Amino acid sequence: MSEHVLYSFRRCPYAMRARMALRYSGVPLSIVEVSLKAKPAEMLALSPKGTVPVLACADGQVIEQSLEIMHWALAQHDPDNWLGANSASLIEENDQLFKVNLDRYKYAIRYPEQPMEHYRVQAEQFLQRLEELLERTPYLAGDTLSLADVALAPFVRQFAHVDREWFEHAPYPLLRVWLERFLASTLFTSVMAKSQ
């Protein structure tokens, strides 16, 4: 293999954050857009778990987790010191707890034990924490964009899209500003372009 290859799915939040870290770090690569209904055999050969993102490095290394891909990319080049902010616990809470509640909220029909609003309230505990962080600094881990913002924004975006009208009136004004600024950024819009 002569170049890095990222197997991705445009709307997957894990793949989004991997693409953003790779774009930011300037790692040269090709992106293979994966159809979740017809996953490419070469991706499954590299990563039998069959989920995106998967980074096939030019040296033969295969990285199967989005956060590991982000760290790998930043180890290549991190010009704005995204790794300088201590945000590991925040990212872990997003990935381990918020994502579970987000999925139950988004796909509430699959979890009929509780109404949709119950799962939203569970997820809101994390949103409230983010709102409080943004009361102190314009970004989640300080005065500048860092790994935490890029790792979490795709998931907050997904939450906001479940019920946009509710989110627009929810008591998280700073989080809305943060998310809107992020979604308008060149970094985000560049990795979401359909022509990739």
N, C-alpha and C. Protein backbone atom coordinates (compact mmCIF):
# COMPACT_ATOMS: atom_id res chain seq x y z
N MET A 1 0.85 -1.19 0.00
CA MET A 1 0.00 0.00 0.00
C MET A 1 0.88 1.24 0.00
N SER A 2 0.60 2.15 -0.93
CA SER A 2 1.46 3.32 -1.06
C SER A 2 0.91 4.55 -0.37
N GLU A 3 -0.36 4.50 0.06
CA GLU A 3 -0.94 5.65 0.75
C GLU A 3 -1.88 5.19 1.84
N HIS A 4 -2.24 6.11 2.72
CA HIS A 4 -3.21 5.82 3.76
C HIS A 4 -4.61 5.80 3.15
N VAL A 5 -5.45 4.88 3.63
CA VAL A 5 -6.82 4.78 3.14
C VAL A 5 -7.75 4.78 4.34
N LEU A 6 -8.75 5.65 4.30
CA LEU A 6 -9.76 5.69 5.35
C LEU A 6 -11.08 5.17 4.79
N TYR A 7 -11.59 4.15 5.43
CA TYR A 7 -12.93 3.66 5.11
C TYR A 7 -13.90 4.41 6.01
N SER A 8 -14.85 5.07 5.39
CA SER A 8 -15.67 6.04 6.11
C SER A 8 -17.13 5.94 5.67
N PHE A 9 -18.00 6.55 6.45
CA PHE A 9 -19.40 6.74 6.08
C PHE A 9 -19.74 8.18 6.43
N ARG A 10 -20.19 8.93 5.46
CA ARG A 10 -20.29 10.38 5.59
C ARG A 10 -21.02 10.84 6.84
N ARG A 11 -22.13 10.21 7.18
CA ARG A 11 -22.97 10.71 8.27
C ARG A 11 -22.66 10.07 9.63
N CYS A 12 -21.73 9.15 9.67
CA CYS A 12 -21.39 8.51 10.95
C CYS A 12 -20.57 9.48 11.81
N PRO A 13 -21.00 9.76 13.05
CA PRO A 13 -20.25 10.72 13.87
C PRO A 13 -18.82 10.26 14.19
N TYR A 14 -18.62 8.97 14.32
CA TYR A 14 -17.26 8.46 14.56
C TYR A 14 -16.38 8.73 13.35
N ALA A 15 -16.93 8.48 12.18
CA ALA A 15 -16.16 8.73 10.95
C ALA A 15 -15.92 10.21 10.75
N MET A 16 -16.90 11.04 11.10
CA MET A 16 -16.72 12.50 10.97
C MET A 16 -15.52 12.97 11.76
N ARG A 17 -15.44 12.54 13.01
CA ARG A 17 -14.34 13.06 13.82
C ARG A 17 -12.99 12.54 13.36
N ALA A 18 -12.97 11.32 12.86
CA ALA A 18 -11.72 10.80 12.30
C ALA A 18 -11.31 11.61 11.08
N ARG A 19 -12.27 11.89 10.19
CA ARG A 19 -11.95 12.66 8.98
C ARG A 19 -11.44 14.06 9.34
N MET A 20 -12.05 14.68 10.34
CA MET A 20 -11.61 16.03 10.73
C MET A 20 -10.19 16.03 11.26
N ALA A 21 -9.85 15.06 12.09
CA ALA A 21 -8.49 15.01 12.63
C ALA A 21 -7.47 14.76 11.52
N LEU A 22 -7.83 13.88 10.59
CA LEU A 22 -6.92 13.60 9.48
C LEU A 22 -6.76 14.81 8.57
N ARG A 23 -7.86 15.52 8.32
CA ARG A 23 -7.81 16.73 7.48
C ARG A 23 -6.95 17.80 8.16
N TYR A 24 -7.19 18.03 9.44
CA TYR A 24 -6.45 19.03 10.20
C TYR A 24 -4.96 18.74 10.23
N SER A 25 -4.62 17.46 10.39
CA SER A 25 -3.19 17.10 10.51
C SER A 25 -2.48 17.08 9.16
N GLY A 26 -3.27 17.16 8.07
CA GLY A 26 -2.66 17.19 6.75
C GLY A 26 -2.15 15.86 6.25
N VAL A 27 -2.61 14.77 6.87
CA VAL A 27 -2.18 13.44 6.43
C VAL A 27 -2.75 13.17 5.03
N PRO A 28 -1.90 12.84 4.06
CA PRO A 28 -2.41 12.53 2.72
C PRO A 28 -3.09 11.16 2.72
N LEU A 29 -4.30 11.10 2.21
CA LEU A 29 -4.99 9.83 2.21
C LEU A 29 -6.10 9.84 1.18
N SER A 30 -6.58 8.66 0.87
CA SER A 30 -7.78 8.55 0.05
C SER A 30 -8.90 8.04 0.96
N ILE A 31 -10.12 8.48 0.66
CA ILE A 31 -11.27 8.10 1.47
C ILE A 31 -12.19 7.23 0.64
N VAL A 32 -12.52 6.09 1.20
CA VAL A 32 -13.46 5.17 0.56
C VAL A 32 -14.79 5.30 1.30
N GLU A 33 -15.81 5.80 0.60
CA GLU A 33 -17.14 5.92 1.19
C GLU A 33 -17.79 4.54 1.17
N VAL A 34 -18.14 4.08 2.36
CA VAL A 34 -18.64 2.72 2.52
C VAL A 34 -20.17 2.71 2.51
N SER A 35 -20.73 1.81 1.75
CA SER A 35 -22.16 1.54 1.83
C SER A 35 -22.37 0.54 2.96
N LEU A 36 -23.15 0.92 3.95
CA LEU A 36 -23.32 0.04 5.10
C LEU A 36 -24.08 -1.23 4.74
N LYS A 37 -24.75 -1.22 3.60
CA LYS A 37 -25.47 -2.42 3.15
C LYS A 37 -24.59 -3.33 2.29
N ALA A 38 -23.48 -2.79 1.82
CA ALA A 38 -22.58 -3.58 0.96
C ALA A 38 -21.15 -3.17 1.28
N LYS A 39 -20.67 -3.61 2.44
CA LYS A 39 -19.34 -3.21 2.89
C LYS A 39 -18.26 -3.86 2.02
N PRO A 40 -17.25 -3.08 1.63
CA PRO A 40 -16.24 -3.62 0.73
C PRO A 40 -15.44 -4.76 1.36
N ALA A 41 -15.18 -5.77 0.56
CA ALA A 41 -14.45 -6.95 1.04
C ALA A 41 -13.08 -6.58 1.59
N GLU A 42 -12.43 -5.59 0.96
CA GLU A 42 -11.08 -5.21 1.43
C GLU A 42 -11.13 -4.59 2.83
N MET A 43 -12.21 -3.88 3.14
CA MET A 43 -12.35 -3.33 4.49
C MET A 43 -12.60 -4.45 5.50
N LEU A 44 -13.47 -5.38 5.15
CA LEU A 44 -13.77 -6.49 6.06
C LEU A 44 -12.56 -7.38 6.28
N ALA A 45 -11.70 -7.47 5.27
CA ALA A 45 -10.47 -8.26 5.43
C ALA A 45 -9.53 -7.59 6.43
N LEU A 46 -9.53 -6.27 6.43
CA LEU A 46 -8.68 -5.51 7.36
C LEU A 46 -9.29 -5.46 8.75
N SER A 47 -10.62 -5.36 8.80
CA SER A 47 -11.33 -5.14 10.06
C SER A 47 -12.64 -5.93 10.05
N PRO A 48 -12.62 -7.18 10.50
CA PRO A 48 -13.81 -8.03 10.43
C PRO A 48 -15.01 -7.49 11.21
N LYS A 49 -14.81 -6.56 12.14
CA LYS A 49 -15.95 -6.03 12.90
C LYS A 49 -16.91 -5.27 11.99
N GLY A 50 -16.40 -4.77 10.87
CA GLY A 50 -17.28 -4.21 9.86
C GLY A 50 -17.88 -2.85 10.15
N THR A 51 -17.29 -2.10 11.08
CA THR A 51 -17.79 -0.76 11.36
C THR A 51 -16.76 0.29 10.93
N VAL A 52 -17.26 1.46 10.58
CA VAL A 52 -16.37 2.56 10.21
C VAL A 52 -16.19 3.48 11.42
N PRO A 53 -15.09 4.24 11.43
CA PRO A 53 -14.03 4.31 10.42
C PRO A 53 -12.98 3.22 10.63
N VAL A 54 -12.27 2.94 9.55
CA VAL A 54 -11.10 2.07 9.60
C VAL A 54 -10.01 2.78 8.81
N LEU A 55 -8.85 2.95 9.44
CA LEU A 55 -7.72 3.56 8.75
C LEU A 55 -6.69 2.49 8.43
N ALA A 56 -6.44 2.32 7.14
CA ALA A 56 -5.38 1.42 6.68
C ALA A 56 -4.17 2.28 6.36
N CYS A 57 -3.15 2.20 7.22
CA CYS A 57 -1.96 3.03 7.05
C CYS A 57 -1.06 2.46 5.97
N ALA A 58 -0.27 3.34 5.38
CA ALA A 58 0.62 2.94 4.29
C ALA A 58 1.63 1.88 4.74
N ASP A 59 1.96 1.87 6.05
CA ASP A 59 2.94 0.90 6.55
C ASP A 59 2.31 -0.44 6.94
N GLY A 60 0.99 -0.58 6.68
CA GLY A 60 0.32 -1.84 6.99
C GLY A 60 -0.45 -1.84 8.30
N GLN A 61 -0.23 -0.83 9.12
CA GLN A 61 -0.97 -0.73 10.38
C GLN A 61 -2.45 -0.48 10.08
N VAL A 62 -3.33 -1.10 10.86
CA VAL A 62 -4.77 -0.89 10.74
C VAL A 62 -5.30 -0.34 12.06
N ILE A 63 -5.99 0.80 11.99
CA ILE A 63 -6.55 1.42 13.20
C ILE A 63 -8.06 1.42 13.06
N GLU A 64 -8.75 0.79 14.02
CA GLU A 64 -10.17 0.52 13.88
C GLU A 64 -11.08 1.38 14.77
N GLN A 65 -10.52 2.24 15.59
CA GLN A 65 -11.34 3.06 16.49
C GLN A 65 -11.12 4.53 16.16
N SER A 66 -12.21 5.29 16.14
CA SER A 66 -12.12 6.69 15.71
C SER A 66 -11.19 7.51 16.59
N LEU A 67 -11.26 7.33 17.89
CA LEU A 67 -10.42 8.12 18.78
C LEU A 67 -8.95 7.77 18.59
N GLU A 68 -8.67 6.50 18.34
CA GLU A 68 -7.28 6.09 18.07
C GLU A 68 -6.80 6.70 16.75
N ILE A 69 -7.69 6.77 15.76
CA ILE A 69 -7.33 7.40 14.49
C ILE A 69 -7.01 8.88 14.73
N MET A 70 -7.81 9.54 15.55
CA MET A 70 -7.56 10.95 15.85
C MET A 70 -6.19 11.14 16.50
N HIS A 71 -5.91 10.32 17.49
CA HIS A 71 -4.61 10.42 18.18
C HIS A 71 -3.45 10.12 17.22
N TRP A 72 -3.65 9.13 16.34
CA TRP A 72 -2.61 8.82 15.37
C TRP A 72 -2.36 10.02 14.46
N ALA A 73 -3.44 10.63 13.97
CA ALA A 73 -3.30 11.78 13.08
C ALA A 73 -2.58 12.93 13.77
N LEU A 74 -2.96 13.19 15.02
CA LEU A 74 -2.34 14.31 15.76
C LEU A 74 -0.89 14.01 16.10
N ALA A 75 -0.54 12.75 16.21
CA ALA A 75 0.87 12.40 16.43
C ALA A 75 1.69 12.71 15.19
N GLN A 76 1.05 12.73 14.02
CA GLN A 76 1.76 13.08 12.79
C GLN A 76 1.98 14.59 12.71
N HIS A 77 0.94 15.36 13.09
CA HIS A 77 1.03 16.82 12.98
C HIS A 77 -0.13 17.44 13.77
N ASP A 78 0.21 18.28 14.72
CA ASP A 78 -0.80 18.92 15.58
C ASP A 78 -0.44 20.40 15.75
N PRO A 79 -0.60 21.18 14.68
CA PRO A 79 -0.07 22.56 14.69
C PRO A 79 -0.69 23.47 15.74
N ASP A 80 -1.95 23.23 16.10
CA ASP A 80 -2.60 24.10 17.09
C ASP A 80 -2.70 23.47 18.47
N ASN A 81 -1.97 22.37 18.66
CA ASN A 81 -1.87 21.70 19.95
C ASN A 81 -3.24 21.26 20.48
N TRP A 82 -3.99 20.57 19.64
CA TRP A 82 -5.27 20.01 20.10
C TRP A 82 -5.09 19.08 21.29
N LEU A 83 -3.96 18.39 21.33
CA LEU A 83 -3.74 17.44 22.41
C LEU A 83 -3.31 18.11 23.71
N GLY A 84 -3.08 19.42 23.65
CA GLY A 84 -2.62 20.12 24.84
C GLY A 84 -3.69 20.23 25.93
N ALA A 85 -4.95 20.18 25.54
CA ALA A 85 -6.03 20.29 26.52
C ALA A 85 -6.32 18.92 27.10
N ASN A 86 -6.50 18.88 28.41
CA ASN A 86 -6.78 17.60 29.07
C ASN A 86 -8.27 17.32 28.99
N SER A 87 -8.67 16.50 28.04
CA SER A 87 -10.09 16.28 27.81
C SER A 87 -10.47 14.80 27.75
N ALA A 88 -9.59 13.93 28.21
CA ALA A 88 -9.83 12.48 28.09
C ALA A 88 -11.12 12.07 28.80
N SER A 89 -11.36 12.59 30.00
CA SER A 89 -12.54 12.16 30.75
C SER A 89 -13.83 12.65 30.09
N LEU A 90 -13.78 13.83 29.49
CA LEU A 90 -14.96 14.36 28.81
C LEU A 90 -15.29 13.52 27.58
N ILE A 91 -14.27 13.16 26.83
CA ILE A 91 -14.48 12.33 25.64
C ILE A 91 -14.98 10.95 26.05
N GLU A 92 -14.43 10.42 27.12
CA GLU A 92 -14.87 9.10 27.60
C GLU A 92 -16.34 9.14 28.02
N GLU A 93 -16.75 10.20 28.70
CA GLU A 93 -18.15 10.33 29.11
C GLU A 93 -19.06 10.42 27.88
N ASN A 94 -18.61 11.14 26.87
CA ASN A 94 -19.38 11.23 25.63
C ASN A 94 -19.53 9.84 25.00
N ASP A 95 -18.43 9.13 24.88
CA ASP A 95 -18.43 7.86 24.15
C ASP A 95 -19.11 6.74 24.93
N GLN A 96 -18.97 6.76 26.25
CA GLN A 96 -19.49 5.65 27.05
C GLN A 96 -20.91 5.88 27.56
N LEU A 97 -21.28 7.11 27.85
CA LEU A 97 -22.56 7.39 28.49
C LEU A 97 -23.51 8.18 27.59
N PHE A 98 -23.04 9.33 27.10
CA PHE A 98 -23.91 10.16 26.28
C PHE A 98 -24.35 9.43 25.02
N LYS A 99 -23.44 8.70 24.38
CA LYS A 99 -23.78 8.00 23.14
C LYS A 99 -24.89 6.97 23.37
N VAL A 100 -24.88 6.30 24.50
CA VAL A 100 -25.94 5.33 24.82
C VAL A 100 -27.29 6.04 24.91
N ASN A 101 -27.33 7.14 25.66
CA ASN A 101 -28.58 7.88 25.81
C ASN A 101 -29.02 8.52 24.50
N LEU A 102 -28.05 9.00 23.73
CA LEU A 102 -28.35 9.58 22.41
C LEU A 102 -29.01 8.54 21.51
N ASP A 103 -28.46 7.34 21.47
CA ASP A 103 -29.03 6.29 20.62
C ASP A 103 -30.45 5.95 21.05
N ARG A 104 -30.69 5.89 22.34
CA ARG A 104 -32.03 5.56 22.83
C ARG A 104 -33.02 6.69 22.54
N TYR A 105 -32.53 7.91 22.59
CA TYR A 105 -33.37 9.06 22.25
C TYR A 105 -33.67 9.08 20.75
N LYS A 106 -32.65 8.89 19.95
CA LYS A 106 -32.82 8.95 18.50
C LYS A 106 -33.66 7.78 17.98
N TYR A 107 -33.44 6.62 18.56
CA TYR A 107 -34.14 5.41 18.11
C TYR A 107 -35.08 4.91 19.20
N ALA A 108 -35.85 5.83 19.76
CA ALA A 108 -36.69 5.50 20.93
C ALA A 108 -37.67 4.37 20.63
N ILE A 109 -38.06 4.23 19.38
CA ILE A 109 -39.02 3.18 19.01
C ILE A 109 -38.44 1.79 19.29
N ARG A 110 -37.11 1.70 19.31
CA ARG A 110 -36.46 0.42 19.60
C ARG A 110 -36.37 0.16 21.10
N TYR A 111 -36.64 1.18 21.89
CA TYR A 111 -36.52 1.07 23.35
C TYR A 111 -37.84 1.48 24.00
N PRO A 112 -38.89 0.67 23.80
CA PRO A 112 -40.23 1.07 24.25
C PRO A 112 -40.43 1.04 25.76
N GLU A 113 -39.40 0.63 26.51
CA GLU A 113 -39.54 0.58 27.97
C GLU A 113 -39.83 1.97 28.55
N GLN A 114 -39.34 3.01 27.87
CA GLN A 114 -39.52 4.38 28.35
C GLN A 114 -39.90 5.26 27.17
N PRO A 115 -40.62 6.38 27.44
CA PRO A 115 -40.91 7.32 26.35
C PRO A 115 -39.64 8.04 25.88
N MET A 116 -39.70 8.58 24.68
CA MET A 116 -38.56 9.28 24.08
C MET A 116 -38.02 10.36 25.01
N GLU A 117 -38.93 11.09 25.66
CA GLU A 117 -38.53 12.20 26.53
C GLU A 117 -37.66 11.73 27.68
N HIS A 118 -37.88 10.52 28.15
CA HIS A 118 -37.06 9.98 29.24
C HIS A 118 -35.60 9.89 28.81
N TYR A 119 -35.38 9.38 27.62
CA TYR A 119 -34.00 9.23 27.13
C TYR A 119 -33.37 10.59 26.86
N ARG A 120 -34.19 11.55 26.43
CA ARG A 120 -33.67 12.90 26.22
C ARG A 120 -33.21 13.51 27.53
N VAL A 121 -34.00 13.33 28.57
CA VAL A 121 -33.62 13.86 29.90
C VAL A 121 -32.32 13.23 30.37
N GLN A 122 -32.17 11.93 30.13
CA GLN A 122 -30.92 11.26 30.51
C GLN A 122 -29.73 11.88 29.77
N ALA A 123 -29.90 12.13 28.48
CA ALA A 123 -28.83 12.71 27.68
C ALA A 123 -28.53 14.15 28.09
N GLU A 124 -29.55 14.85 28.55
CA GLU A 124 -29.38 16.26 28.90
C GLU A 124 -28.41 16.48 30.05
N GLN A 125 -28.20 15.48 30.86
CA GLN A 125 -27.24 15.64 31.95
C GLN A 125 -25.86 15.99 31.39
N PHE A 126 -25.53 15.37 30.27
CA PHE A 126 -24.24 15.66 29.64
C PHE A 126 -24.26 17.03 28.97
N LEU A 127 -25.38 17.37 28.33
CA LEU A 127 -25.48 18.68 27.69
C LEU A 127 -25.32 19.79 28.71
N GLN A 128 -25.89 19.58 29.89
CA GLN A 128 -25.76 20.60 30.94
C GLN A 128 -24.31 20.76 31.36
N ARG A 129 -23.58 19.67 31.40
CA ARG A 129 -22.15 19.76 31.73
C ARG A 129 -21.41 20.57 30.67
N LEU A 130 -21.74 20.33 29.41
CA LEU A 130 -21.09 21.07 28.33
C LEU A 130 -21.44 22.56 28.41
N GLU A 131 -22.69 22.86 28.68
CA GLU A 131 -23.12 24.25 28.81
C GLU A 131 -22.32 24.96 29.90
N GLU A 132 -22.11 24.27 31.02
CA GLU A 132 -21.36 24.86 32.14
C GLU A 132 -19.89 25.08 31.76
N LEU A 133 -19.32 24.16 31.00
CA LEU A 133 -17.94 24.36 30.54
C LEU A 133 -17.85 25.59 29.65
N LEU A 134 -18.87 25.78 28.80
CA LEU A 134 -18.87 26.90 27.86
C LEU A 134 -19.17 28.23 28.54
N GLU A 135 -19.62 28.20 29.77
CA GLU A 135 -19.78 29.45 30.54
C GLU A 135 -18.42 30.02 30.91
N ARG A 136 -17.40 29.15 30.93
CA ARG A 136 -16.06 29.58 31.36
C ARG A 136 -15.14 29.91 30.19
N THR A 137 -15.28 29.14 29.11
CA THR A 137 -14.41 29.33 27.94
C THR A 137 -15.22 29.12 26.67
N PRO A 138 -14.80 29.68 25.55
CA PRO A 138 -15.58 29.55 24.32
C PRO A 138 -15.54 28.15 23.71
N TYR A 139 -14.59 27.34 24.12
CA TYR A 139 -14.51 25.96 23.65
C TYR A 139 -14.54 25.04 24.87
N LEU A 140 -14.74 23.76 24.63
CA LEU A 140 -14.99 22.84 25.74
C LEU A 140 -13.81 22.68 26.69
N ALA A 141 -12.60 22.83 26.18
CA ALA A 141 -11.43 22.60 27.03
C ALA A 141 -10.51 23.82 27.09
N GLY A 142 -11.04 24.99 26.74
CA GLY A 142 -10.19 26.18 26.83
C GLY A 142 -10.60 27.25 25.84
N ASP A 143 -9.64 28.12 25.52
CA ASP A 143 -9.92 29.28 24.68
C ASP A 143 -9.81 28.99 23.18
N THR A 144 -9.32 27.81 22.84
CA THR A 144 -9.18 27.46 21.42
C THR A 144 -9.73 26.07 21.16
N LEU A 145 -9.99 25.79 19.91
CA LEU A 145 -10.48 24.48 19.49
C LEU A 145 -9.49 23.40 19.90
N SER A 146 -10.01 22.28 20.38
CA SER A 146 -9.13 21.18 20.78
C SER A 146 -9.77 19.84 20.43
N LEU A 147 -9.09 18.79 20.81
CA LEU A 147 -9.57 17.44 20.54
C LEU A 147 -10.99 17.23 21.06
N ALA A 148 -11.29 17.79 22.23
CA ALA A 148 -12.62 17.60 22.83
C ALA A 148 -13.73 18.12 21.93
N ASP A 149 -13.56 19.32 21.38
CA ASP A 149 -14.59 19.90 20.52
C ASP A 149 -14.83 19.03 19.29
N VAL A 150 -13.75 18.61 18.67
CA VAL A 150 -13.85 17.85 17.42
C VAL A 150 -14.40 16.45 17.69
N ALA A 151 -14.04 15.88 18.83
CA ALA A 151 -14.51 14.53 19.16
C ALA A 151 -15.99 14.51 19.53
N LEU A 152 -16.48 15.61 20.14
CA LEU A 152 -17.85 15.63 20.65
C LEU A 152 -18.87 16.25 19.69
N ALA A 153 -18.45 17.20 18.89
CA ALA A 153 -19.41 17.95 18.07
C ALA A 153 -20.28 17.07 17.18
N PRO A 154 -19.75 16.02 16.54
CA PRO A 154 -20.63 15.21 15.70
C PRO A 154 -21.77 14.55 16.47
N PHE A 155 -21.54 14.26 17.74
CA PHE A 155 -22.57 13.61 18.55
C PHE A 155 -23.60 14.63 19.04
N VAL A 156 -23.14 15.81 19.41
CA VAL A 156 -24.08 16.88 19.79
C VAL A 156 -24.92 17.26 18.58
N ARG A 157 -24.30 17.31 17.42
CA ARG A 157 -25.04 17.57 16.17
C ARG A 157 -26.14 16.54 15.98
N GLN A 158 -25.80 15.28 16.18
CA GLN A 158 -26.78 14.22 16.01
C GLN A 158 -27.94 14.38 17.00
N PHE A 159 -27.61 14.71 18.23
CA PHE A 159 -28.65 14.94 19.24
C PHE A 159 -29.56 16.09 18.81
N ALA A 160 -28.96 17.19 18.37
CA ALA A 160 -29.74 18.38 17.98
C ALA A 160 -30.69 18.07 16.84
N HIS A 161 -30.30 17.17 15.95
CA HIS A 161 -31.11 16.87 14.76
C HIS A 161 -32.29 15.96 15.05
N VAL A 162 -32.31 15.30 16.20
CA VAL A 162 -33.44 14.42 16.52
C VAL A 162 -34.73 15.23 16.59
N ASP A 163 -34.67 16.37 17.28
CA ASP A 163 -35.84 17.25 17.39
C ASP A 163 -35.30 18.68 17.39
N ARG A 164 -35.12 19.21 16.19
CA ARG A 164 -34.47 20.52 16.06
C ARG A 164 -35.25 21.62 16.76
N GLU A 165 -36.56 21.58 16.67
CA GLU A 165 -37.36 22.64 17.30
C GLU A 165 -37.17 22.62 18.81
N TRP A 166 -37.17 21.43 19.39
CA TRP A 166 -36.94 21.34 20.84
C TRP A 166 -35.55 21.88 21.19
N PHE A 167 -34.55 21.48 20.43
CA PHE A 167 -33.18 21.90 20.73
C PHE A 167 -33.03 23.41 20.62
N GLU A 168 -33.71 24.02 19.67
CA GLU A 168 -33.61 25.47 19.49
C GLU A 168 -34.13 26.24 20.69
N HIS A 169 -35.02 25.63 21.46
CA HIS A 169 -35.60 26.30 22.62
C HIS A 169 -35.13 25.72 23.95
N ALA A 170 -34.24 24.76 23.89
CA ALA A 170 -33.72 24.14 25.11
C ALA A 170 -32.78 25.12 25.84
N PRO A 171 -32.60 24.92 27.15
CA PRO A 171 -31.81 25.87 27.94
C PRO A 171 -30.30 25.71 27.78
N TYR A 172 -29.85 25.65 26.52
CA TYR A 172 -28.41 25.49 26.25
C TYR A 172 -27.96 26.50 25.20
N PRO A 173 -28.10 27.79 25.48
CA PRO A 173 -27.77 28.80 24.47
C PRO A 173 -26.30 28.79 24.07
N LEU A 174 -25.42 28.58 25.02
CA LEU A 174 -23.99 28.58 24.69
C LEU A 174 -23.61 27.35 23.88
N LEU A 175 -24.24 26.25 24.17
CA LEU A 175 -23.98 25.03 23.41
C LEU A 175 -24.46 25.19 21.96
N ARG A 176 -25.60 25.85 21.78
CA ARG A 176 -26.09 26.10 20.42
C ARG A 176 -25.12 26.98 19.64
N VAL A 177 -24.60 28.03 20.26
CA VAL A 177 -23.64 28.91 19.60
C VAL A 177 -22.38 28.13 19.24
N TRP A 178 -21.90 27.34 20.19
CA TRP A 178 -20.71 26.51 19.96
C TRP A 178 -20.94 25.56 18.79
N LEU A 179 -22.10 24.89 18.76
CA LEU A 179 -22.38 23.93 17.71
C LEU A 179 -22.53 24.62 16.36
N GLU A 180 -23.23 25.75 16.32
CA GLU A 180 -23.41 26.47 15.05
C GLU A 180 -22.08 26.94 14.49
N ARG A 181 -21.21 27.44 15.37
CA ARG A 181 -19.88 27.88 14.93
C ARG A 181 -19.09 26.69 14.38
N PHE A 182 -19.21 25.56 15.04
CA PHE A 182 -18.49 24.38 14.60
C PHE A 182 -19.00 23.90 13.24
N LEU A 183 -20.32 23.84 13.09
CA LEU A 183 -20.91 23.33 11.85
C LEU A 183 -20.62 24.24 10.67
N ALA A 184 -20.37 25.52 10.96
CA ALA A 184 -20.04 26.47 9.88
C ALA A 184 -18.55 26.52 9.57
N SER A 185 -17.75 25.83 10.36
CA SER A 185 -16.29 25.90 10.19
C SER A 185 -15.86 25.22 8.91
N THR A 186 -14.75 25.70 8.38
CA THR A 186 -14.18 25.10 7.18
C THR A 186 -13.79 23.65 7.44
N LEU A 187 -13.31 23.37 8.63
CA LEU A 187 -12.90 22.00 8.96
C LEU A 187 -14.08 21.04 8.81
N PHE A 188 -15.22 21.42 9.38
CA PHE A 188 -16.38 20.53 9.31
C PHE A 188 -16.95 20.46 7.89
N THR A 189 -17.15 21.61 7.29
CA THR A 189 -17.78 21.60 5.95
C THR A 189 -16.91 20.88 4.92
N SER A 190 -15.60 20.95 5.10
CA SER A 190 -14.71 20.31 4.13
C SER A 190 -14.80 18.78 4.20
N VAL A 191 -15.00 18.22 5.39
CA VAL A 191 -15.06 16.76 5.49
C VAL A 191 -16.47 16.24 5.22
N MET A 192 -17.44 17.15 5.11
CA MET A 192 -18.81 16.72 4.83
C MET A 192 -19.17 16.88 3.36
N ALA A 193 -18.27 17.43 2.56
CA ALA A 193 -18.55 17.60 1.14
C ALA A 193 -18.79 16.25 0.48
N LYS A 194 -19.85 16.16 -0.31
CA LYS A 194 -20.21 14.87 -0.90
C LYS A 194 -19.28 14.44 -2.02
N SER A 195 -18.46 15.35 -2.50
CA SER A 195 -17.59 15.03 -3.63
C SER A 195 -16.33 14.29 -3.24
N GLN A 196 -16.16 13.99 -1.93
CA GLN A 196 -14.94 13.32 -1.49
C GLN A 196 -14.76 11.99 -2.16
